[in-house]
PDB file of N, CA and C in Angstrom:
ATOM      1  N   MET A   1      82.400 125.913  88.412  1.00  0.00           N
ATOM      2  CA  MET A   1      83.905 126.344  88.853  1.00  0.00           C
ATOM      3  C   MET A   1      83.996 125.187  89.656  1.00  0.00           C
ATOM      4  N   ILE A   2      82.797 124.921  91.023  1.00  0.00           N
ATOM      5  CA  ILE A   2      83.324 124.289  92.087  1.00  0.00           C
ATOM      6  C   ILE A   2      83.152 122.605  91.381  1.00  0.00           C
ATOM      7  N   VAL A   3      82.454 122.655  90.584  1.00  0.00           N
ATOM      8  CA  VAL A   3      82.456 121.244  89.633  1.00  0.00           C
ATOM      9  C   VAL A   3      83.532 121.140  89.553  1.00  0.00           C
ATOM     10  N   THR A   4      84.248 121.540  88.714  1.00  0.00           N
ATOM     11  CA  THR A   4      85.436 121.052  88.021  1.00  0.00           C
ATOM     12  C   THR A   4      86.551 121.103  88.946  1.00  0.00           C
ATOM     13  N   ALA A   5      86.507 121.917  90.264  1.00  0.00           N
ATOM     14  CA  ALA A   5      87.380 121.532  91.045  1.00  0.00           C
ATOM     15  C   ALA A   5      86.981 120.501  91.994  1.00  0.00           C
ATOM     16  N   ALA A   6      85.651 119.704  91.864  1.00  0.00           N
ATOM     17  CA  ALA A   6      85.694 118.887  92.268  1.00  0.00           C
ATOM     18  C   ALA A   6      86.077 117.090  91.974  1.00  0.00           C
ATOM     19  N   LYS A   7      85.820 117.350  90.305  1.00  0.00           N
ATOM     20  CA  LYS A   7      86.388 116.500  89.450  1.00  0.00           C
ATOM     21  C   LYS A   7      87.680 116.204  89.614  1.00  0.00           C
ATOM     22  N   LEU A   8      88.832 117.378  89.480  1.00  0.00           N
ATOM     23  CA  LEU A   8      90.077 117.182  89.443  1.00  0.00           C
ATOM     24  C   LEU A   8      90.445 116.641  90.912  1.00  0.00           C
ATOM     25  N   ILE A   9      90.153 117.264  92.144  1.00  0.00           N
ATOM     26  CA  ILE A   9      90.217 117.013  93.357  1.00  0.00           C
ATOM     27  C   ILE A   9      89.741 115.076  93.335  1.00  0.00           C
ATOM     28  N   GLY A  10      88.663 114.778  93.049  1.00  0.00           N
ATOM     29  CA  GLY A  10      88.491 113.260  92.856  1.00  0.00           C
ATOM     30  C   GLY A  10      89.439 112.222  92.094  1.00  0.00           C
ATOM     31  N   ALA A  11      89.989 113.222  91.160  1.00  0.00           N
ATOM     32  CA  ALA A  11      90.668 112.227  89.819  1.00  0.00           C
ATOM     33  C   ALA A  11      91.835 112.247  91.002  1.00  0.00           C
ATOM     34  N   GLY A  12      92.534 113.105  91.237  1.00  0.00           N
ATOM     35  CA  GLY A  12      93.587 113.330  92.074  1.00  0.00           C
ATOM     36  C   GLY A  12      93.754 112.148  93.309  1.00  0.00           C
ATOM     37  N   VAL A  13      92.681 112.589  94.506  1.00  0.00           N
ATOM     38  CA  VAL A  13      92.608 111.179  95.053  1.00  0.00           C
ATOM     39  C   VAL A  13      92.169 109.583  94.793  1.00  0.00           C
ATOM     40  N   ALA A  14      92.071 109.669  93.651  1.00  0.00           N
ATOM     41  CA  ALA A  14      91.322 107.987  93.354  1.00  0.00           C
ATOM     42  C   ALA A  14      92.879 107.204  92.451  1.00  0.00           C
ATOM     43  N   THR A  15      93.808 108.588  92.305  1.00  0.00           N
ATOM     44  CA  THR A  15      95.255 107.745  91.671  1.00  0.00           C
ATOM     45  C   THR A  15      96.065 107.897  92.572  1.00  0.00           C
ATOM     46  N   VAL A  16      95.961 107.690  93.758  1.00  0.00           N
ATOM     47  CA  VAL A  16      96.308 107.598  95.003  1.00  0.00           C
ATOM     48  C   VAL A  16      96.798 106.133  95.295  1.00  0.00           C
ATOM     49  N   GLY A  17      95.613 105.348  94.979  1.00  0.00           N
ATOM     50  CA  GLY A  17      95.784 103.805  94.456  1.00  0.00           C
ATOM     51  C   GLY A  17      96.939 103.259  93.779  1.00  0.00           C
ATOM     52  N   LEU A  18      97.648 104.138  92.688  1.00  0.00           N
ATOM     53  CA  LEU A  18      98.470 103.565  91.805  1.00  0.00           C
ATOM     54  C   LEU A  18      99.926 103.667  92.799  1.00  0.00           C
ATOM     55  N   THR A  19     100.102 104.182  93.894  1.00  0.00           N
ATOM     56  CA  THR A  19     101.207 104.016  94.507  1.00  0.00           C
ATOM     57  C   THR A  19     101.262 102.383  95.066  1.00  0.00           C
ATOM     58  N   GLY A  20      99.908 102.161  95.433  1.00  0.00           N
ATOM     59  CA  GLY A  20     100.104 100.824  96.136  1.00  0.00           C
ATOM     60  C   GLY A  20     100.252  99.681  94.928  1.00  0.00           C
ATOM     61  N   ALA A  21      99.995 100.040  93.769  1.00  0.00           N
ATOM     62  CA  ALA A  21     100.600  98.726  92.390  1.00  0.00           C
ATOM     63  C   ALA A  21     101.444  99.160  92.473  1.00  0.00           C
ATOM     64  N   GLY A  22     102.400 100.452  92.432  1.00  0.00           N
ATOM     65  CA  GLY A  22     103.905 100.804  92.442  1.00  0.00           C
ATOM     66  C   GLY A  22     104.493  99.552  93.698  1.00  0.00           C
ATOM     67  N   ILE A  23     104.201  99.583  94.517  1.00  0.00           N
ATOM     68  CA  ILE A  23     104.856  99.009  95.625  1.00  0.00           C
ATOM     69  C   ILE A  23     104.207  96.989  95.531  1.00  0.00           C
ATOM     70  N   GLY A  24     102.835  97.151  94.801  1.00  0.00           N
ATOM     71  CA  GLY A  24     102.865  95.478  94.856  1.00  0.00           C
ATOM     72  C   GLY A  24     103.713  95.143  93.586  1.00  0.00           C
ATOM     73  N   ILE A  25     104.126  95.695  92.154  1.00  0.00           N
ATOM     74  CA  ILE A  25     105.049  95.541  91.668  1.00  0.00           C
ATOM     75  C   ILE A  25     106.492  94.953  92.201  1.00  0.00           C
ATOM     76  N   GLY A  26     106.928  95.922  92.733  1.00  0.00           N
ATOM     77  CA  GLY A  26     108.585  95.842  93.601  1.00  0.00           C
ATOM     78  C   GLY A  26     108.399  94.985  94.631  1.00  0.00           C
ATOM     79  N   THR A  27     107.439  94.478  94.741  1.00  0.00           N
ATOM     80  CA  THR A  27     107.286  93.351  95.696  1.00  0.00           C
ATOM     81  C   THR A  27     107.388  91.992  95.278  1.00  0.00           C
ATOM     82  N   VAL A  28     106.614  92.250  94.041  1.00  0.00           N
ATOM     83  CA  VAL A  28     106.237  90.868  93.227  1.00  0.00           C
ATOM     84  C   VAL A  28     108.120  90.604  92.856  1.00  0.00           C
ATOM     85  N   PHE A  29     108.356  91.420  91.991  1.00  0.00           N
ATOM     86  CA  PHE A  29     109.567  91.320  91.508  1.00  0.00           C
ATOM     87  C   PHE A  29     110.815  90.894  92.491  1.00  0.00           C
ATOM     88  N   GLY A  30     110.618  91.781  93.802  1.00  0.00           N
ATOM     89  CA  GLY A  30     111.945  91.469  94.465  1.00  0.00           C
ATOM     90  C   GLY A  30     111.512  90.275  95.172  1.00  0.00           C
ATOM     91  N   ALA A  31     110.568  89.874  95.585  1.00  0.00           N
ATOM     92  CA  ALA A  31     110.531  88.125  95.777  1.00  0.00           C
ATOM     93  C   ALA A  31     110.764  87.081  94.865  1.00  0.00           C
ATOM     94  N   PHE A  32     110.920  87.441  93.505  1.00  0.00           N
ATOM     95  CA  PHE A  32     111.008  86.838  92.451  1.00  0.00           C
ATOM     96  C   PHE A  32     112.731  86.803  92.498  1.00  0.00           C
ATOM     97  N   ILE A  33     113.530  87.980  92.564  1.00  0.00           N
ATOM     98  CA  ILE A  33     114.460  87.899  92.548  1.00  0.00           C
ATOM     99  C   ILE A  33     115.117  86.883  93.974  1.00  0.00           C
ATOM    100  N   VAL A  34     114.685  87.426  95.122  1.00  0.00           N
ATOM    101  CA  VAL A  34     115.193  86.448  96.156  1.00  0.00           C
ATOM    102  C   VAL A  34     114.824  85.046  96.194  1.00  0.00           C
ATOM    103  N   GLY A  35     113.782  84.693  95.633  1.00  0.00           N
ATOM    104  CA  GLY A  35     113.499  83.271  95.498  1.00  0.00           C
ATOM    105  C   GLY A  35     114.441  82.679  94.179  1.00  0.00           C
ATOM    106  N   MET A  36     114.941  83.083  93.239  1.00  0.00           N
ATOM    107  CA  MET A  36     115.711  82.899  92.380  1.00  0.00           C
ATOM    108  C   MET A  36     117.389  82.773  92.787  1.00  0.00           C
ATOM    109  N   SER A  37     117.768  83.689  94.280  1.00  0.00           N
ATOM    110  CA  SER A  37     118.975  83.371  94.307  1.00  0.00           C
ATOM    111  C   SER A  37     118.936  82.507  95.319  1.00  0.00           C
ATOM    112  N   ARG A  38     117.846  81.999  95.462  1.00  0.00           N
ATOM    113  CA  ARG A  38     117.918  80.669  96.545  1.00  0.00           C
ATOM    114  C   ARG A  38     117.758  79.359  96.140  1.00  0.00           C
ATOM    115  N   ASN A  39     117.036  79.400  94.867  1.00  0.00           N
ATOM    116  CA  ASN A  39     117.148  78.342  94.081  1.00  0.00           C
ATOM    117  C   ASN A  39     116.739  78.592  92.448  1.00  0.00           C
ATOM    118  N   PRO A  40     117.999  78.522  91.950  1.00  0.00           N
ATOM    119  CA  PRO A  40     118.053  78.958  90.503  1.00  0.00           C
ATOM    120  C   PRO A  40     117.633  77.894  89.792  1.00  0.00           C
ATOM    121  N   SER A  41     117.544  76.649  90.319  1.00  0.00           N
ATOM    122  CA  SER A  41     116.795  75.589  89.004  1.00  0.00           C
ATOM    123  C   SER A  41     115.059  75.955  88.988  1.00  0.00           C
ATOM    124  N   MET A  42     114.714  76.886  89.543  1.00  0.00           N
ATOM    125  CA  MET A  42     113.130  77.004  89.649  1.00  0.00           C
ATOM    126  C   MET A  42     112.759  78.265  88.699  1.00  0.00           C
ATOM    127  N   GLU A  43     114.009  78.770  88.242  1.00  0.00           N
ATOM    128  CA  GLU A  43     113.592  80.172  88.013  1.00  0.00           C
ATOM    129  C   GLU A  43     112.366  80.034  86.479  1.00  0.00           C
ATOM    130  N   GLN A  44     112.606  79.106  85.714  1.00  0.00           N
ATOM    131  CA  GLN A  44     111.448  78.656  84.708  1.00  0.00           C
ATOM    132  C   GLN A  44     109.895  78.803  85.479  1.00  0.00           C
ATOM    133  N   LYS A  45     109.813  77.710  86.666  1.00  0.00           N
ATOM    134  CA  LYS A  45     108.406  78.218  87.078  1.00  0.00           C
ATOM    135  C   LYS A  45     108.281  79.187  87.720  1.00  0.00           C
ATOM    136  N   MET A  46     109.239  79.948  88.554  1.00  0.00           N
ATOM    137  CA  MET A  46     108.718  81.013  89.594  1.00  0.00           C
ATOM    138  C   MET A  46     108.392  82.275  88.510  1.00  0.00           C
ATOM    139  N   PHE A  47     109.106  82.302  87.423  1.00  0.00           N
ATOM    140  CA  PHE A  47     108.839  83.389  86.533  1.00  0.00           C
ATOM    141  C   PHE A  47     107.483  83.472  85.852  1.00  0.00           C
ATOM    142  N   LYS A  48     107.084  82.259  85.818  1.00  0.00           N
ATOM    143  CA  LYS A  48     105.891  82.245  85.743  1.00  0.00           C
ATOM    144  C   LYS A  48     104.748  82.881  86.295  1.00  0.00           C
ATOM    145  N   PHE A  49     104.770  82.328  87.732  1.00  0.00           N
ATOM    146  CA  PHE A  49     103.932  83.143  88.822  1.00  0.00           C
ATOM    147  C   PHE A  49     104.213  84.547  88.999  1.00  0.00           C
ATOM    148  N   CYS A  50     105.447  85.117  88.662  1.00  0.00           N
ATOM    149  CA  CYS A  50     106.195  86.584  88.715  1.00  0.00           C
ATOM    150  C   CYS A  50     104.967  87.486  87.809  1.00  0.00           C
ATOM    151  N   LEU A  51     104.800  86.697  86.451  1.00  0.00           N
ATOM    152  CA  LEU A  51     104.341  87.441  85.367  1.00  0.00           C
ATOM    153  C   LEU A  51     102.806  87.556  85.610  1.00  0.00           C
ATOM    154  N   MET A  52     102.468  86.480  86.034  1.00  0.00           N
ATOM    155  CA  MET A  52     100.945  86.495  86.555  1.00  0.00           C
ATOM    156  C   MET A  52     100.876  87.437  87.834  1.00  0.00           C
ATOM    157  N   GLY A  53     101.458  87.668  89.010  1.00  0.00           N
ATOM    158  CA  GLY A  53     101.967  88.785  89.965  1.00  0.00           C
ATOM    159  C   GLY A  53     101.950  89.762  89.213  1.00  0.00           C
ATOM    160  N   PHE A  54     102.454  90.093  88.597  1.00  0.00           N
ATOM    161  CA  PHE A  54     102.627  91.744  87.913  1.00  0.00           C
ATOM    162  C   PHE A  54     101.428  92.009  87.007  1.00  0.00           C
ATOM    163  N   ALA A  55     100.825  90.957  86.079  1.00  0.00           N
ATOM    164  CA  ALA A  55      99.646  91.415  85.550  1.00  0.00           C
ATOM    165  C   ALA A  55      98.567  91.677  86.248  1.00  0.00           C
ATOM    166  N   LEU A  56      98.203  90.705  87.486  1.00  0.00           N
ATOM    167  CA  LEU A  56      97.292  90.943  88.323  1.00  0.00           C
ATOM    168  C   LEU A  56      97.343  92.281  88.894  1.00  0.00           C
ATOM    169  N   THR A  57      98.329  92.446  89.269  1.00  0.00           N
ATOM    170  CA  THR A  57      98.711  93.750  89.993  1.00  0.00           C
ATOM    171  C   THR A  57      98.885  95.195  89.314  1.00  0.00           C
ATOM    172  N   GLU A  58      98.925  94.548  87.946  1.00  0.00           N
ATOM    173  CA  GLU A  58      98.804  96.034  87.208  1.00  0.00           C
ATOM    174  C   GLU A  58      97.781  96.131  86.542  1.00  0.00           C
ATOM    175  N   ALA A  59      96.929  94.984  86.711  1.00  0.00           N
ATOM    176  CA  ALA A  59      95.408  95.163  86.205  1.00  0.00           C
ATOM    177  C   ALA A  59      94.758  96.100  86.913  1.00  0.00           C
ATOM    178  N   MET A  60      94.758  95.962  88.307  1.00  0.00           N
ATOM    179  CA  MET A  60      94.460  97.077  89.375  1.00  0.00           C
ATOM    180  C   MET A  60      94.753  98.270  89.478  1.00  0.00           C
ATOM    181  N   ALA A  61      96.231  98.889  88.955  1.00  0.00           N
ATOM    182  CA  ALA A  61      96.551  99.715  88.487  1.00  0.00           C
ATOM    183  C   ALA A  61      95.610 100.342  87.082  1.00  0.00           C
ATOM    184  N   LEU A  62      95.552  99.719  86.547  1.00  0.00           N
ATOM    185  CA  LEU A  62      94.525 100.191  85.393  1.00  0.00           C
ATOM    186  C   LEU A  62      93.430 100.329  85.575  1.00  0.00           C
ATOM    187  N   PHE A  63      92.665  99.582  86.150  1.00  0.00           N
ATOM    188  CA  PHE A  63      90.932 100.169  87.056  1.00  0.00           C
ATOM    189  C   PHE A  63      91.052 101.291  87.727  1.00  0.00           C
ATOM    190  N   VAL A  64      92.289 101.817  88.492  1.00  0.00           N
ATOM    191  CA  VAL A  64      92.299 102.627  89.316  1.00  0.00           C
ATOM    192  C   VAL A  64      92.254 103.997  88.355  1.00  0.00           C
ATOM    193  N   LEU A  65      92.963 103.590  87.340  1.00  0.00           N
ATOM    194  CA  LEU A  65      93.427 104.831  86.581  1.00  0.00           C
ATOM    195  C   LEU A  65      92.395 105.086  85.299  1.00  0.00           C
ATOM    196  N   MET A  66      91.592 103.761  85.086  1.00  0.00           N
ATOM    197  CA  MET A  66      90.298 104.136  84.773  1.00  0.00           C
ATOM    198  C   MET A  66      89.416 104.842  85.086  1.00  0.00           C
ATOM    199  N   MET A  67      89.143 104.401  86.545  1.00  0.00           N
ATOM    200  CA  MET A  67      87.993 105.264  87.494  1.00  0.00           C
ATOM    201  C   MET A  67      88.716 107.128  87.481  1.00  0.00           C
ATOM    202  N   ALA A  68      90.013 106.860  87.619  1.00  0.00           N
ATOM    203  CA  ALA A  68      90.252 108.480  87.583  1.00  0.00           C
ATOM    204  C   ALA A  68      89.635 109.129  86.459  1.00  0.00           C
ATOM    205  N   PHE A  69      89.769 108.325  84.983  1.00  0.00           N
ATOM    206  CA  PHE A  69      89.702 109.174  83.735  1.00  0.00           C
ATOM    207  C   PHE A  69      87.813 109.381  83.458  1.00  0.00           C
ATOM    208  N   LEU A  70      87.068 108.187  84.810  1.00  0.00           N
ATOM    209  CA  LEU A  70      85.844 108.214  84.651  1.00  0.00           C
ATOM    210  C   LEU A  70      85.049 109.428  85.301  1.00  0.00           C
ATOM    211  N   ILE A  71      86.027 109.891  86.408  1.00  0.00           N
ATOM    212  CA  ILE A  71      85.657 110.655  87.024  1.00  0.00           C
ATOM    213  C   ILE A  71      85.680 112.268  86.533  1.00  0.00           C
ATOM    214  N   LEU A  72      87.106 112.385  85.908  1.00  0.00           N
ATOM    215  CA  LEU A  72      87.124 113.682  84.927  1.00  0.00           C
ATOM    216  C   LEU A  72      86.327 113.942  83.761  1.00  0.00           C
ATOM    217  N   PHE A  73      86.148 113.012  83.112  1.00  0.00           N
ATOM    218  CA  PHE A  73      85.387 113.279  81.544  1.00  0.00           C
ATOM    219  C   PHE A  73      84.035 112.762  81.478  1.00  0.00           C
ATOM    220  N   THR A  74      83.399 111.901  82.633  1.00  0.00           N
ATOM    221  CA  THR A  74      82.192 111.558  82.581  1.00  0.00           C
ATOM    222  C   THR A  74      81.080 112.218  83.469  1.00  0.00           C
ATOM    223  N   PHE A  75      81.402 112.765  84.695  1.00  0.00           N
ATOM    224  CA  PHE A  75      80.792 113.297  85.857  1.00  0.00           C
ATOM    225  C   PHE A  75      80.560 114.531  85.369  1.00  0.00           C
TER     226      PHE A  75
END
């Protein structure tokens, strides 16, 4: 019973990293909108970098989620 509780607490603590990913994705798209409003002609070039930043930030979120599932179902 204590082991099950420790698993649940560990998985819950591991998902705290998802808040950082949410903040990071908001920052990426916020900076994109500000940059696009300042220089609309660079939209296509900035959009590529915006998607790259989104993908890298989302990858970190998926790694955090994977760790939470490993804690729950493996140990």
